[in-house]
């Protein structure tokens, strides 16, 4: 080790320089290059840069409920197909009605499960980006609008902003985040 005061070389394990008596400088612990940062380091890094956190105003379905909806939709499609075979054998108006109603129900349940899985549940605002948290993953939306697919729709009297990044779709609903939806609409779509 080299003394910062006199510039002489001395043993690293000595508490002070033997020539000038200067105390050994305190070194910050460096993590191993191959090691991943610990959980506390990650949490501290994220806490410092988050400016605002918005949680959804509505409670959305959890992972198990979404899986259950997919299973119910598959069962409805199988029932619809079985009623379709009944119709094929003998034309029956009740079979047609049941087949169509189960098929329409399955489509509605699939859509509801798809929407529930991809709706944003929490938004964090950082210095230069939004971080959207869905049911299964998260995505970062930079303010510079670089390379993202986006769409704005009005559905059932409310605005829904759709962002597609990293093979994931995220729905930002105006009912869940009214202030953030308005800000995102101005920032990403130039409206307002």
N, C-alpha and C. Protein backbone atom coordinates (compact mmCIF):
# COMPACT_ATOMS: atom_id res chain seq x y z
N UNK A 1 0.84 -1.16 0.00
CA UNK A 1 0.00 0.00 0.00
C UNK A 1 0.90 1.23 0.00
N UNK A 2 0.45 2.29 -0.64
CA UNK A 2 1.22 3.53 -0.73
C UNK A 2 0.56 4.57 0.19
N UNK A 3 1.34 5.20 1.01
CA UNK A 3 0.85 6.21 1.95
C UNK A 3 0.43 7.47 1.18
N UNK A 4 -0.77 7.99 1.44
CA UNK A 4 -1.19 9.20 0.74
C UNK A 4 -0.45 10.46 1.21
N UNK A 5 0.16 10.42 2.40
CA UNK A 5 0.85 11.59 2.95
C UNK A 5 2.28 11.71 2.40
N UNK A 6 3.08 10.64 2.63
CA UNK A 6 4.49 10.72 2.26
C UNK A 6 4.82 10.00 0.96
N UNK A 7 3.94 9.15 0.46
CA UNK A 7 4.16 8.46 -0.79
C UNK A 7 5.01 7.21 -0.68
N UNK A 8 5.39 6.81 0.53
CA UNK A 8 6.20 5.61 0.74
C UNK A 8 5.31 4.37 0.73
N UNK A 9 5.93 3.28 0.37
CA UNK A 9 5.23 2.00 0.31
C UNK A 9 5.33 1.30 1.66
N UNK A 10 4.19 0.70 2.13
CA UNK A 10 4.21 -0.06 3.37
C UNK A 10 3.20 -1.20 3.29
N UNK A 11 3.21 -2.08 4.30
CA UNK A 11 2.36 -3.27 4.33
C UNK A 11 0.89 -2.87 4.48
N UNK A 12 0.04 -3.49 3.70
CA UNK A 12 -1.39 -3.18 3.70
C UNK A 12 -2.02 -3.43 5.07
N UNK A 13 -1.56 -4.43 5.79
CA UNK A 13 -2.19 -4.83 7.05
C UNK A 13 -1.74 -3.98 8.25
N UNK A 14 -0.80 -3.08 8.08
CA UNK A 14 -0.40 -2.20 9.18
C UNK A 14 -1.44 -1.09 9.34
N UNK A 15 -1.74 -0.70 10.60
CA UNK A 15 -2.79 0.30 10.81
C UNK A 15 -2.38 1.72 10.42
N UNK A 16 -1.07 1.99 10.33
CA UNK A 16 -0.62 3.33 9.96
C UNK A 16 0.71 3.23 9.22
N UNK A 17 1.11 4.31 8.60
CA UNK A 17 2.37 4.36 7.85
C UNK A 17 3.53 4.36 8.86
N UNK A 18 4.52 3.45 8.71
CA UNK A 18 5.64 3.42 9.66
C UNK A 18 6.59 4.61 9.52
N UNK A 19 6.59 5.34 8.38
CA UNK A 19 7.53 6.43 8.17
C UNK A 19 6.97 7.76 8.66
N UNK A 20 5.71 8.06 8.33
CA UNK A 20 5.18 9.37 8.73
C UNK A 20 4.12 9.26 9.83
N UNK A 21 3.59 8.06 10.10
CA UNK A 21 2.60 7.86 11.15
C UNK A 21 1.18 8.20 10.73
N UNK A 22 0.95 8.45 9.44
CA UNK A 22 -0.41 8.77 8.97
C UNK A 22 -1.29 7.53 9.06
N UNK A 23 -2.54 7.75 9.42
CA UNK A 23 -3.48 6.64 9.55
C UNK A 23 -3.79 6.06 8.17
N UNK A 24 -4.08 4.79 8.19
CA UNK A 24 -4.45 4.10 6.94
C UNK A 24 -5.78 4.66 6.44
N UNK A 25 -5.87 5.03 5.15
CA UNK A 25 -7.14 5.57 4.64
C UNK A 25 -8.23 4.50 4.65
N UNK A 26 -9.44 4.96 4.92
CA UNK A 26 -10.58 4.04 4.96
C UNK A 26 -11.04 3.79 3.54
N UNK A 27 -11.14 2.52 3.19
CA UNK A 27 -11.56 2.15 1.84
C UNK A 27 -13.00 1.68 1.87
N UNK A 28 -13.71 2.02 0.84
CA UNK A 28 -15.07 1.50 0.70
C UNK A 28 -14.98 0.07 0.23
N UNK A 29 -15.88 -0.74 0.74
CA UNK A 29 -15.88 -2.14 0.32
C UNK A 29 -16.44 -2.22 -1.09
N UNK A 30 -15.67 -2.85 -1.95
CA UNK A 30 -16.11 -3.03 -3.32
C UNK A 30 -16.68 -4.43 -3.47
N UNK A 31 -17.85 -4.54 -4.09
CA UNK A 31 -18.38 -5.89 -4.30
C UNK A 31 -17.55 -6.63 -5.34
N UNK A 32 -17.58 -7.93 -5.26
CA UNK A 32 -16.89 -8.74 -6.25
C UNK A 32 -17.47 -8.44 -7.62
N UNK A 33 -16.60 -8.47 -8.63
CA UNK A 33 -17.06 -8.15 -9.97
C UNK A 33 -18.08 -9.15 -10.48
N UNK A 34 -17.93 -10.40 -10.12
CA UNK A 34 -18.85 -11.44 -10.58
C UNK A 34 -20.09 -11.56 -9.71
N UNK A 35 -20.05 -10.98 -8.51
CA UNK A 35 -21.17 -11.13 -7.58
C UNK A 35 -22.28 -10.13 -7.91
N UNK A 36 -23.50 -10.55 -7.65
CA UNK A 36 -24.64 -9.67 -7.84
C UNK A 36 -24.80 -8.80 -6.60
N UNK A 37 -25.35 -7.59 -6.76
CA UNK A 37 -25.54 -6.74 -5.59
C UNK A 37 -26.58 -7.35 -4.65
N UNK A 38 -26.40 -7.07 -3.37
CA UNK A 38 -27.33 -7.63 -2.39
C UNK A 38 -28.67 -6.91 -2.48
N UNK A 39 -29.68 -7.48 -1.84
CA UNK A 39 -31.01 -6.90 -1.87
C UNK A 39 -31.06 -5.51 -1.26
N UNK A 40 -30.32 -5.27 -0.19
CA UNK A 40 -30.34 -3.95 0.44
C UNK A 40 -29.71 -2.90 -0.47
N UNK A 41 -28.67 -3.27 -1.23
CA UNK A 41 -28.07 -2.32 -2.15
C UNK A 41 -29.04 -1.96 -3.27
N UNK A 42 -29.78 -2.94 -3.75
CA UNK A 42 -30.76 -2.68 -4.81
C UNK A 42 -31.87 -1.80 -4.28
N UNK A 43 -32.38 -2.09 -3.08
CA UNK A 43 -33.46 -1.29 -2.51
C UNK A 43 -33.01 0.15 -2.27
N UNK A 44 -31.79 0.34 -1.76
CA UNK A 44 -31.30 1.69 -1.52
C UNK A 44 -31.13 2.46 -2.82
N UNK A 45 -30.68 1.79 -3.87
CA UNK A 45 -30.51 2.45 -5.16
C UNK A 45 -31.86 2.88 -5.72
N UNK A 46 -32.88 2.03 -5.59
CA UNK A 46 -34.19 2.37 -6.12
C UNK A 46 -34.86 3.45 -5.28
N UNK A 47 -34.69 3.44 -3.97
CA UNK A 47 -35.33 4.41 -3.11
C UNK A 47 -34.84 5.82 -3.41
N UNK A 48 -33.60 5.98 -3.78
CA UNK A 48 -33.04 7.30 -4.01
C UNK A 48 -33.58 7.94 -5.28
N UNK A 49 -33.90 7.15 -6.29
CA UNK A 49 -34.29 7.74 -7.56
C UNK A 49 -35.79 7.77 -7.82
N UNK A 50 -36.61 7.21 -6.97
CA UNK A 50 -38.06 7.24 -7.17
C UNK A 50 -38.61 8.56 -6.65
N UNK A 51 -39.31 9.30 -7.52
CA UNK A 51 -39.90 10.57 -7.10
C UNK A 51 -41.33 10.39 -6.62
N UNK A 52 -42.13 9.66 -7.38
CA UNK A 52 -43.53 9.43 -7.01
C UNK A 52 -43.88 7.98 -7.25
N UNK A 53 -44.76 7.45 -6.42
CA UNK A 53 -45.30 6.10 -6.61
C UNK A 53 -46.81 6.20 -6.58
N UNK A 54 -47.44 5.68 -7.62
CA UNK A 54 -48.89 5.66 -7.70
C UNK A 54 -49.35 4.21 -7.68
N UNK A 55 -50.26 3.90 -6.79
CA UNK A 55 -50.87 2.57 -6.75
C UNK A 55 -52.24 2.64 -7.39
N UNK A 56 -52.69 1.53 -7.94
CA UNK A 56 -53.98 1.47 -8.60
C UNK A 56 -55.10 1.77 -7.61
N UNK A 57 -56.11 2.51 -8.06
CA UNK A 57 -57.23 2.83 -7.18
C UNK A 57 -58.21 1.68 -7.06
N UNK A 58 -58.14 0.73 -7.98
CA UNK A 58 -59.00 -0.46 -7.93
C UNK A 58 -58.16 -1.68 -7.62
N UNK A 59 -58.81 -2.67 -7.06
CA UNK A 59 -58.13 -3.95 -6.80
C UNK A 59 -58.36 -4.85 -8.01
N UNK A 60 -57.29 -5.38 -8.55
CA UNK A 60 -57.38 -6.25 -9.72
C UNK A 60 -57.17 -7.70 -9.32
N UNK A 61 -57.55 -8.59 -10.21
CA UNK A 61 -57.43 -10.03 -9.95
C UNK A 61 -55.97 -10.42 -9.79
N UNK A 62 -55.72 -11.38 -8.90
CA UNK A 62 -54.38 -11.89 -8.68
C UNK A 62 -54.03 -12.98 -9.68
N UNK A 63 -52.84 -13.54 -9.53
CA UNK A 63 -52.35 -14.54 -10.47
C UNK A 63 -53.21 -15.80 -10.48
N UNK A 64 -53.61 -16.28 -9.31
CA UNK A 64 -54.42 -17.51 -9.27
C UNK A 64 -55.79 -17.30 -9.89
N UNK A 65 -56.38 -16.14 -9.66
CA UNK A 65 -57.69 -15.86 -10.24
C UNK A 65 -57.60 -15.76 -11.77
N UNK A 66 -56.52 -15.21 -12.27
CA UNK A 66 -56.33 -15.12 -13.72
C UNK A 66 -56.18 -16.51 -14.32
N UNK A 67 -55.41 -17.37 -13.67
CA UNK A 67 -55.25 -18.76 -14.15
C UNK A 67 -56.60 -19.47 -14.11
N UNK A 68 -57.36 -19.27 -13.05
CA UNK A 68 -58.69 -19.88 -12.94
C UNK A 68 -59.60 -19.41 -14.08
N UNK A 69 -59.54 -18.13 -14.43
CA UNK A 69 -60.36 -17.62 -15.54
C UNK A 69 -59.96 -18.27 -16.86
N UNK A 70 -58.67 -18.48 -17.08
CA UNK A 70 -58.24 -19.16 -18.30
C UNK A 70 -58.78 -20.59 -18.34
N UNK A 71 -58.73 -21.28 -17.22
CA UNK A 71 -59.24 -22.66 -17.18
C UNK A 71 -60.73 -22.69 -17.46
N UNK A 72 -61.49 -21.77 -16.85
CA UNK A 72 -62.94 -21.71 -17.09
C UNK A 72 -63.22 -21.41 -18.56
N UNK A 73 -62.46 -20.52 -19.17
CA UNK A 73 -62.66 -20.21 -20.58
C UNK A 73 -62.38 -21.42 -21.46
N UNK A 74 -61.36 -22.19 -21.14
CA UNK A 74 -61.06 -23.41 -21.91
C UNK A 74 -62.20 -24.41 -21.77
N UNK A 75 -62.73 -24.55 -20.56
CA UNK A 75 -63.87 -25.46 -20.35
C UNK A 75 -65.07 -24.98 -21.15
N UNK A 76 -65.33 -23.67 -21.19
CA UNK A 76 -66.45 -23.14 -21.98
C UNK A 76 -66.27 -23.42 -23.46
N UNK A 77 -65.05 -23.32 -23.96
CA UNK A 77 -64.81 -23.63 -25.37
C UNK A 77 -65.04 -25.11 -25.64
N UNK A 78 -64.60 -25.97 -24.74
CA UNK A 78 -64.84 -27.41 -24.93
C UNK A 78 -66.33 -27.73 -24.92
N UNK A 79 -67.08 -27.09 -24.03
CA UNK A 79 -68.54 -27.30 -24.01
C UNK A 79 -69.15 -26.78 -25.30
N UNK A 80 -68.68 -25.64 -25.78
CA UNK A 80 -69.19 -25.09 -27.04
C UNK A 80 -68.92 -26.04 -28.20
N UNK A 81 -67.74 -26.63 -28.23
CA UNK A 81 -67.40 -27.58 -29.30
C UNK A 81 -68.27 -28.82 -29.20
N UNK A 82 -68.51 -29.30 -27.98
CA UNK A 82 -69.36 -30.49 -27.83
C UNK A 82 -70.79 -30.20 -28.28
N UNK A 83 -71.30 -29.02 -27.95
CA UNK A 83 -72.63 -28.66 -28.46
C UNK A 83 -72.61 -28.50 -29.98
N UNK A 84 -71.48 -28.09 -30.53
CA UNK A 84 -71.36 -28.00 -31.98
C UNK A 84 -71.46 -29.37 -32.63
N UNK A 85 -70.89 -30.41 -32.01
CA UNK A 85 -71.03 -31.77 -32.55
C UNK A 85 -72.47 -32.25 -32.46
N UNK A 86 -73.17 -31.85 -31.39
CA UNK A 86 -74.59 -32.21 -31.28
C UNK A 86 -75.37 -31.56 -32.41
N UNK A 87 -75.05 -30.31 -32.71
CA UNK A 87 -75.74 -29.61 -33.80
C UNK A 87 -75.43 -30.30 -35.13
N UNK A 88 -74.20 -30.76 -35.30
CA UNK A 88 -73.82 -31.41 -36.55
C UNK A 88 -74.64 -32.67 -36.78
N UNK A 89 -74.89 -33.43 -35.71
CA UNK A 89 -75.67 -34.66 -35.86
C UNK A 89 -77.14 -34.36 -36.15
N UNK A 90 -77.74 -33.53 -35.37
CA UNK A 90 -79.16 -33.20 -35.57
C UNK A 90 -79.33 -31.72 -35.27
N UNK A 91 -79.86 -31.02 -36.25
CA UNK A 91 -80.03 -29.58 -36.07
C UNK A 91 -81.03 -29.32 -34.95
N UNK A 92 -80.56 -28.62 -33.92
CA UNK A 92 -81.40 -28.34 -32.76
C UNK A 92 -81.18 -26.88 -32.38
N UNK A 93 -82.25 -26.12 -32.24
CA UNK A 93 -82.12 -24.69 -31.94
C UNK A 93 -81.54 -24.46 -30.54
N UNK A 94 -81.87 -25.34 -29.60
CA UNK A 94 -81.29 -25.20 -28.26
C UNK A 94 -79.78 -25.43 -28.30
N UNK A 95 -79.34 -26.39 -29.09
CA UNK A 95 -77.91 -26.66 -29.21
C UNK A 95 -77.16 -25.49 -29.82
N UNK A 96 -77.77 -24.85 -30.84
CA UNK A 96 -77.15 -23.69 -31.46
C UNK A 96 -77.02 -22.56 -30.44
N UNK A 97 -78.09 -22.31 -29.71
CA UNK A 97 -78.08 -21.24 -28.72
C UNK A 97 -77.04 -21.50 -27.63
N UNK A 98 -77.00 -22.71 -27.11
CA UNK A 98 -76.03 -23.04 -26.07
C UNK A 98 -74.59 -22.97 -26.60
N UNK A 99 -74.38 -23.47 -27.81
CA UNK A 99 -73.04 -23.46 -28.38
C UNK A 99 -72.54 -22.03 -28.56
N UNK A 100 -73.38 -21.18 -29.13
CA UNK A 100 -72.98 -19.79 -29.35
C UNK A 100 -72.79 -19.06 -28.03
N UNK A 101 -73.68 -19.29 -27.07
CA UNK A 101 -73.56 -18.58 -25.79
C UNK A 101 -72.30 -19.02 -25.02
N UNK A 102 -71.97 -20.30 -25.04
CA UNK A 102 -70.74 -20.74 -24.37
C UNK A 102 -69.50 -20.20 -25.08
N UNK A 103 -69.54 -20.12 -26.41
CA UNK A 103 -68.41 -19.58 -27.14
C UNK A 103 -68.21 -18.10 -26.84
N UNK A 104 -69.30 -17.34 -26.86
CA UNK A 104 -69.22 -15.90 -26.54
C UNK A 104 -68.75 -15.71 -25.10
N UNK A 105 -69.25 -16.53 -24.19
CA UNK A 105 -68.81 -16.46 -22.79
C UNK A 105 -67.32 -16.75 -22.66
N UNK A 106 -66.84 -17.73 -23.40
CA UNK A 106 -65.41 -18.07 -23.35
C UNK A 106 -64.56 -16.91 -23.87
N UNK A 107 -65.00 -16.28 -24.95
CA UNK A 107 -64.25 -15.14 -25.49
C UNK A 107 -64.22 -14.00 -24.47
N UNK A 108 -65.34 -13.73 -23.82
CA UNK A 108 -65.39 -12.66 -22.81
C UNK A 108 -64.49 -12.98 -21.62
N UNK A 109 -64.49 -14.24 -21.18
CA UNK A 109 -63.65 -14.62 -20.04
C UNK A 109 -62.17 -14.55 -20.42
N UNK A 110 -61.81 -14.98 -21.64
CA UNK A 110 -60.42 -14.86 -22.10
C UNK A 110 -59.99 -13.39 -22.13
N UNK A 111 -60.85 -12.52 -22.67
CA UNK A 111 -60.51 -11.10 -22.73
C UNK A 111 -60.33 -10.52 -21.32
N UNK A 112 -61.21 -10.87 -20.40
CA UNK A 112 -61.12 -10.37 -19.03
C UNK A 112 -59.83 -10.85 -18.37
N UNK A 113 -59.47 -12.10 -18.57
CA UNK A 113 -58.24 -12.64 -17.99
C UNK A 113 -57.01 -11.97 -18.62
N UNK A 114 -57.05 -11.76 -19.93
CA UNK A 114 -55.94 -11.09 -20.63
C UNK A 114 -55.77 -9.66 -20.12
N UNK A 115 -56.87 -8.94 -19.99
CA UNK A 115 -56.82 -7.56 -19.50
C UNK A 115 -56.33 -7.52 -18.06
N UNK A 116 -56.83 -8.42 -17.22
CA UNK A 116 -56.42 -8.44 -15.81
C UNK A 116 -54.94 -8.78 -15.65
N UNK A 117 -54.43 -9.61 -16.53
CA UNK A 117 -53.01 -9.97 -16.44
C UNK A 117 -52.10 -8.83 -16.89
N UNK A 118 -52.58 -7.96 -17.78
CA UNK A 118 -51.73 -6.93 -18.36
C UNK A 118 -52.02 -5.52 -17.87
N UNK A 119 -53.02 -5.34 -17.03
CA UNK A 119 -53.31 -3.99 -16.53
C UNK A 119 -52.22 -3.58 -15.53
N UNK A 120 -51.88 -2.31 -15.56
CA UNK A 120 -50.83 -1.79 -14.69
C UNK A 120 -51.39 -1.65 -13.28
N UNK A 121 -50.62 -2.13 -12.30
CA UNK A 121 -51.05 -2.10 -10.91
C UNK A 121 -50.33 -1.03 -10.09
N UNK A 122 -49.15 -0.62 -10.54
CA UNK A 122 -48.37 0.40 -9.83
C UNK A 122 -47.49 1.12 -10.84
N UNK A 123 -47.36 2.43 -10.66
CA UNK A 123 -46.50 3.24 -11.52
C UNK A 123 -45.53 4.01 -10.64
N UNK A 124 -44.25 3.94 -10.98
CA UNK A 124 -43.24 4.74 -10.30
C UNK A 124 -42.72 5.78 -11.28
N UNK A 125 -42.60 7.00 -10.81
CA UNK A 125 -42.07 8.08 -11.63
C UNK A 125 -40.65 8.37 -11.18
N UNK A 126 -39.70 8.19 -12.08
CA UNK A 126 -38.30 8.46 -11.80
C UNK A 126 -37.92 9.78 -12.46
N UNK A 127 -36.65 10.12 -12.41
CA UNK A 127 -36.20 11.40 -12.96
C UNK A 127 -36.48 11.51 -14.46
N UNK A 128 -36.26 10.43 -15.20
CA UNK A 128 -36.40 10.51 -16.65
C UNK A 128 -37.19 9.34 -17.24
N UNK A 129 -38.01 8.68 -16.43
CA UNK A 129 -38.76 7.52 -16.94
C UNK A 129 -39.91 7.17 -16.00
N UNK A 130 -40.88 6.46 -16.56
CA UNK A 130 -41.93 5.82 -15.79
C UNK A 130 -41.61 4.33 -15.72
N UNK A 131 -41.91 3.70 -14.60
CA UNK A 131 -41.78 2.25 -14.47
C UNK A 131 -43.17 1.71 -14.19
N UNK A 132 -43.66 0.85 -15.09
CA UNK A 132 -45.00 0.28 -14.98
C UNK A 132 -44.89 -1.14 -14.46
N UNK A 133 -45.65 -1.46 -13.43
CA UNK A 133 -45.65 -2.79 -12.84
C UNK A 133 -46.97 -3.47 -13.17
N UNK A 134 -46.91 -4.60 -13.87
CA UNK A 134 -48.08 -5.41 -14.15
C UNK A 134 -48.18 -6.56 -13.18
N UNK A 135 -49.01 -7.53 -13.50
CA UNK A 135 -49.18 -8.69 -12.63
C UNK A 135 -47.93 -9.56 -12.63
N UNK A 136 -47.31 -9.73 -13.80
CA UNK A 136 -46.19 -10.66 -13.92
C UNK A 136 -44.85 -10.00 -14.14
N UNK A 137 -44.80 -8.81 -14.71
CA UNK A 137 -43.52 -8.20 -15.02
C UNK A 137 -43.62 -6.68 -14.95
N UNK A 138 -42.53 -6.02 -15.30
CA UNK A 138 -42.49 -4.57 -15.27
C UNK A 138 -41.78 -4.08 -16.52
N UNK A 139 -42.04 -2.82 -16.86
CA UNK A 139 -41.42 -2.23 -18.04
C UNK A 139 -41.06 -0.78 -17.71
N UNK A 140 -40.00 -0.30 -18.35
CA UNK A 140 -39.55 1.08 -18.16
C UNK A 140 -39.89 1.87 -19.41
N UNK A 141 -40.59 2.99 -19.23
CA UNK A 141 -40.94 3.88 -20.34
C UNK A 141 -40.12 5.16 -20.20
N UNK A 142 -39.10 5.36 -21.03
CA UNK A 142 -38.32 6.59 -20.94
C UNK A 142 -39.13 7.78 -21.45
N UNK A 143 -38.83 8.96 -20.95
CA UNK A 143 -39.55 10.16 -21.36
C UNK A 143 -39.25 10.55 -22.79
N UNK A 144 -38.12 10.07 -23.35
CA UNK A 144 -37.75 10.48 -24.71
C UNK A 144 -38.51 9.73 -25.79
N UNK A 145 -39.46 8.89 -25.43
CA UNK A 145 -40.37 8.21 -26.36
C UNK A 145 -39.64 7.33 -27.37
N UNK A 146 -38.54 6.76 -27.01
CA UNK A 146 -37.73 6.00 -27.96
C UNK A 146 -38.28 4.60 -28.17
N UNK A 147 -38.54 4.28 -29.43
CA UNK A 147 -38.81 2.92 -29.89
C UNK A 147 -39.81 2.14 -29.04
N UNK A 148 -41.05 2.60 -29.04
CA UNK A 148 -42.09 1.85 -28.35
C UNK A 148 -43.36 1.90 -29.18
N UNK A 149 -44.13 0.85 -29.09
CA UNK A 149 -45.43 0.83 -29.74
C UNK A 149 -46.44 1.28 -28.71
N UNK A 150 -47.26 2.25 -29.10
CA UNK A 150 -48.23 2.78 -28.17
C UNK A 150 -49.55 3.02 -28.89
N UNK A 151 -50.61 3.01 -28.12
CA UNK A 151 -51.93 3.22 -28.69
C UNK A 151 -52.83 3.81 -27.62
N UNK A 152 -53.72 4.66 -28.02
CA UNK A 152 -54.66 5.29 -27.11
C UNK A 152 -56.07 4.97 -27.59
N UNK A 153 -56.89 4.42 -26.70
CA UNK A 153 -58.26 4.09 -27.08
C UNK A 153 -59.21 4.63 -26.03
N UNK A 154 -60.43 4.83 -26.44
CA UNK A 154 -61.51 5.13 -25.50
C UNK A 154 -62.38 3.90 -25.45
N UNK A 155 -62.57 3.41 -24.23
CA UNK A 155 -63.32 2.18 -24.06
C UNK A 155 -64.23 2.34 -22.85
N UNK A 156 -65.52 2.16 -23.04
CA UNK A 156 -66.52 2.28 -21.98
C UNK A 156 -66.45 3.64 -21.30
N UNK A 157 -66.22 4.69 -22.07
CA UNK A 157 -66.21 6.04 -21.54
C UNK A 157 -64.95 6.46 -20.81
N UNK A 158 -63.89 5.71 -20.95
CA UNK A 158 -62.64 6.08 -20.28
C UNK A 158 -61.47 5.88 -21.25
N UNK A 159 -60.37 6.56 -20.93
CA UNK A 159 -59.16 6.43 -21.75
C UNK A 159 -58.35 5.24 -21.25
N UNK A 160 -57.85 4.47 -22.19
CA UNK A 160 -56.93 3.38 -21.87
C UNK A 160 -55.72 3.56 -22.78
N UNK A 161 -54.55 3.69 -22.16
CA UNK A 161 -53.30 3.81 -22.91
C UNK A 161 -52.64 2.44 -22.95
N UNK A 162 -52.26 2.01 -24.14
CA UNK A 162 -51.67 0.68 -24.32
C UNK A 162 -50.23 0.87 -24.77
N UNK A 163 -49.30 0.27 -24.03
CA UNK A 163 -47.88 0.31 -24.37
C UNK A 163 -47.40 -1.11 -24.58
N UNK A 164 -46.68 -1.32 -25.68
CA UNK A 164 -46.12 -2.65 -25.95
C UNK A 164 -44.60 -2.51 -26.03
N UNK A 165 -43.94 -3.14 -25.05
CA UNK A 165 -42.47 -3.12 -25.01
C UNK A 165 -41.99 -4.44 -24.46
N UNK A 166 -40.88 -4.92 -24.96
CA UNK A 166 -40.24 -6.15 -24.47
C UNK A 166 -41.21 -7.33 -24.48
N UNK A 167 -41.94 -7.48 -25.55
CA UNK A 167 -42.89 -8.58 -25.71
C UNK A 167 -43.97 -8.59 -24.64
N UNK A 168 -44.22 -7.46 -24.02
CA UNK A 168 -45.28 -7.37 -23.01
C UNK A 168 -46.21 -6.22 -23.36
N UNK A 169 -47.47 -6.38 -23.00
CA UNK A 169 -48.47 -5.35 -23.22
C UNK A 169 -48.90 -4.84 -21.86
N UNK A 170 -48.99 -3.52 -21.73
CA UNK A 170 -49.38 -2.89 -20.48
C UNK A 170 -50.52 -1.92 -20.74
N UNK A 171 -51.60 -2.06 -19.98
CA UNK A 171 -52.76 -1.18 -20.09
C UNK A 171 -52.73 -0.19 -18.92
N UNK A 172 -52.68 1.10 -19.23
CA UNK A 172 -52.79 2.14 -18.20
C UNK A 172 -54.21 2.68 -18.29
N UNK A 173 -55.02 2.37 -17.30
CA UNK A 173 -56.43 2.73 -17.29
C UNK A 173 -56.63 4.06 -16.57
N UNK A 174 -57.47 4.91 -17.15
CA UNK A 174 -57.73 6.22 -16.55
C UNK A 174 -58.42 6.09 -15.20
N UNK A 175 -59.22 5.07 -15.00
CA UNK A 175 -59.89 4.88 -13.70
C UNK A 175 -58.89 4.55 -12.60
N UNK A 176 -57.83 3.85 -12.94
CA UNK A 176 -56.82 3.48 -11.94
C UNK A 176 -55.86 4.62 -11.64
N UNK A 177 -55.43 5.34 -12.66
CA UNK A 177 -54.42 6.40 -12.51
C UNK A 177 -54.86 7.64 -13.29
N UNK A 178 -55.81 8.44 -12.77
CA UNK A 178 -56.30 9.58 -13.55
C UNK A 178 -55.22 10.64 -13.85
N UNK A 179 -54.40 11.00 -12.85
CA UNK A 179 -53.39 12.04 -13.06
C UNK A 179 -52.28 11.55 -13.99
N UNK A 180 -51.85 10.33 -13.76
CA UNK A 180 -50.74 9.78 -14.55
C UNK A 180 -51.18 9.53 -15.99
N UNK A 181 -52.41 9.08 -16.18
CA UNK A 181 -52.90 8.84 -17.55
C UNK A 181 -52.94 10.15 -18.33
N UNK A 182 -53.34 11.22 -17.68
CA UNK A 182 -53.37 12.51 -18.35
C UNK A 182 -51.96 12.98 -18.70
N UNK A 183 -51.03 12.81 -17.77
CA UNK A 183 -49.64 13.20 -18.01
C UNK A 183 -49.01 12.36 -19.12
N UNK A 184 -49.26 11.05 -19.09
CA UNK A 184 -48.71 10.17 -20.12
C UNK A 184 -49.30 10.50 -21.49
N UNK A 185 -50.57 10.85 -21.51
CA UNK A 185 -51.20 11.19 -22.78
C UNK A 185 -50.56 12.44 -23.38
N UNK A 186 -50.26 13.42 -22.54
CA UNK A 186 -49.59 14.63 -23.02
C UNK A 186 -48.16 14.32 -23.47
N UNK A 187 -47.47 13.50 -22.70
CA UNK A 187 -46.05 13.23 -22.97
C UNK A 187 -45.85 12.33 -24.18
N UNK A 188 -46.57 11.22 -24.25
CA UNK A 188 -46.31 10.22 -25.29
C UNK A 188 -47.17 10.40 -26.54
N UNK A 189 -48.34 11.04 -26.40
CA UNK A 189 -49.23 11.17 -27.54
C UNK A 189 -49.36 12.62 -28.01
N UNK A 190 -48.83 13.58 -27.26
CA UNK A 190 -48.88 14.98 -27.65
C UNK A 190 -50.27 15.57 -27.61
N UNK A 191 -51.13 15.05 -26.75
CA UNK A 191 -52.51 15.52 -26.66
C UNK A 191 -52.66 16.32 -25.37
N UNK A 192 -53.26 17.48 -25.48
CA UNK A 192 -53.56 18.24 -24.26
C UNK A 192 -52.89 19.52 -24.14
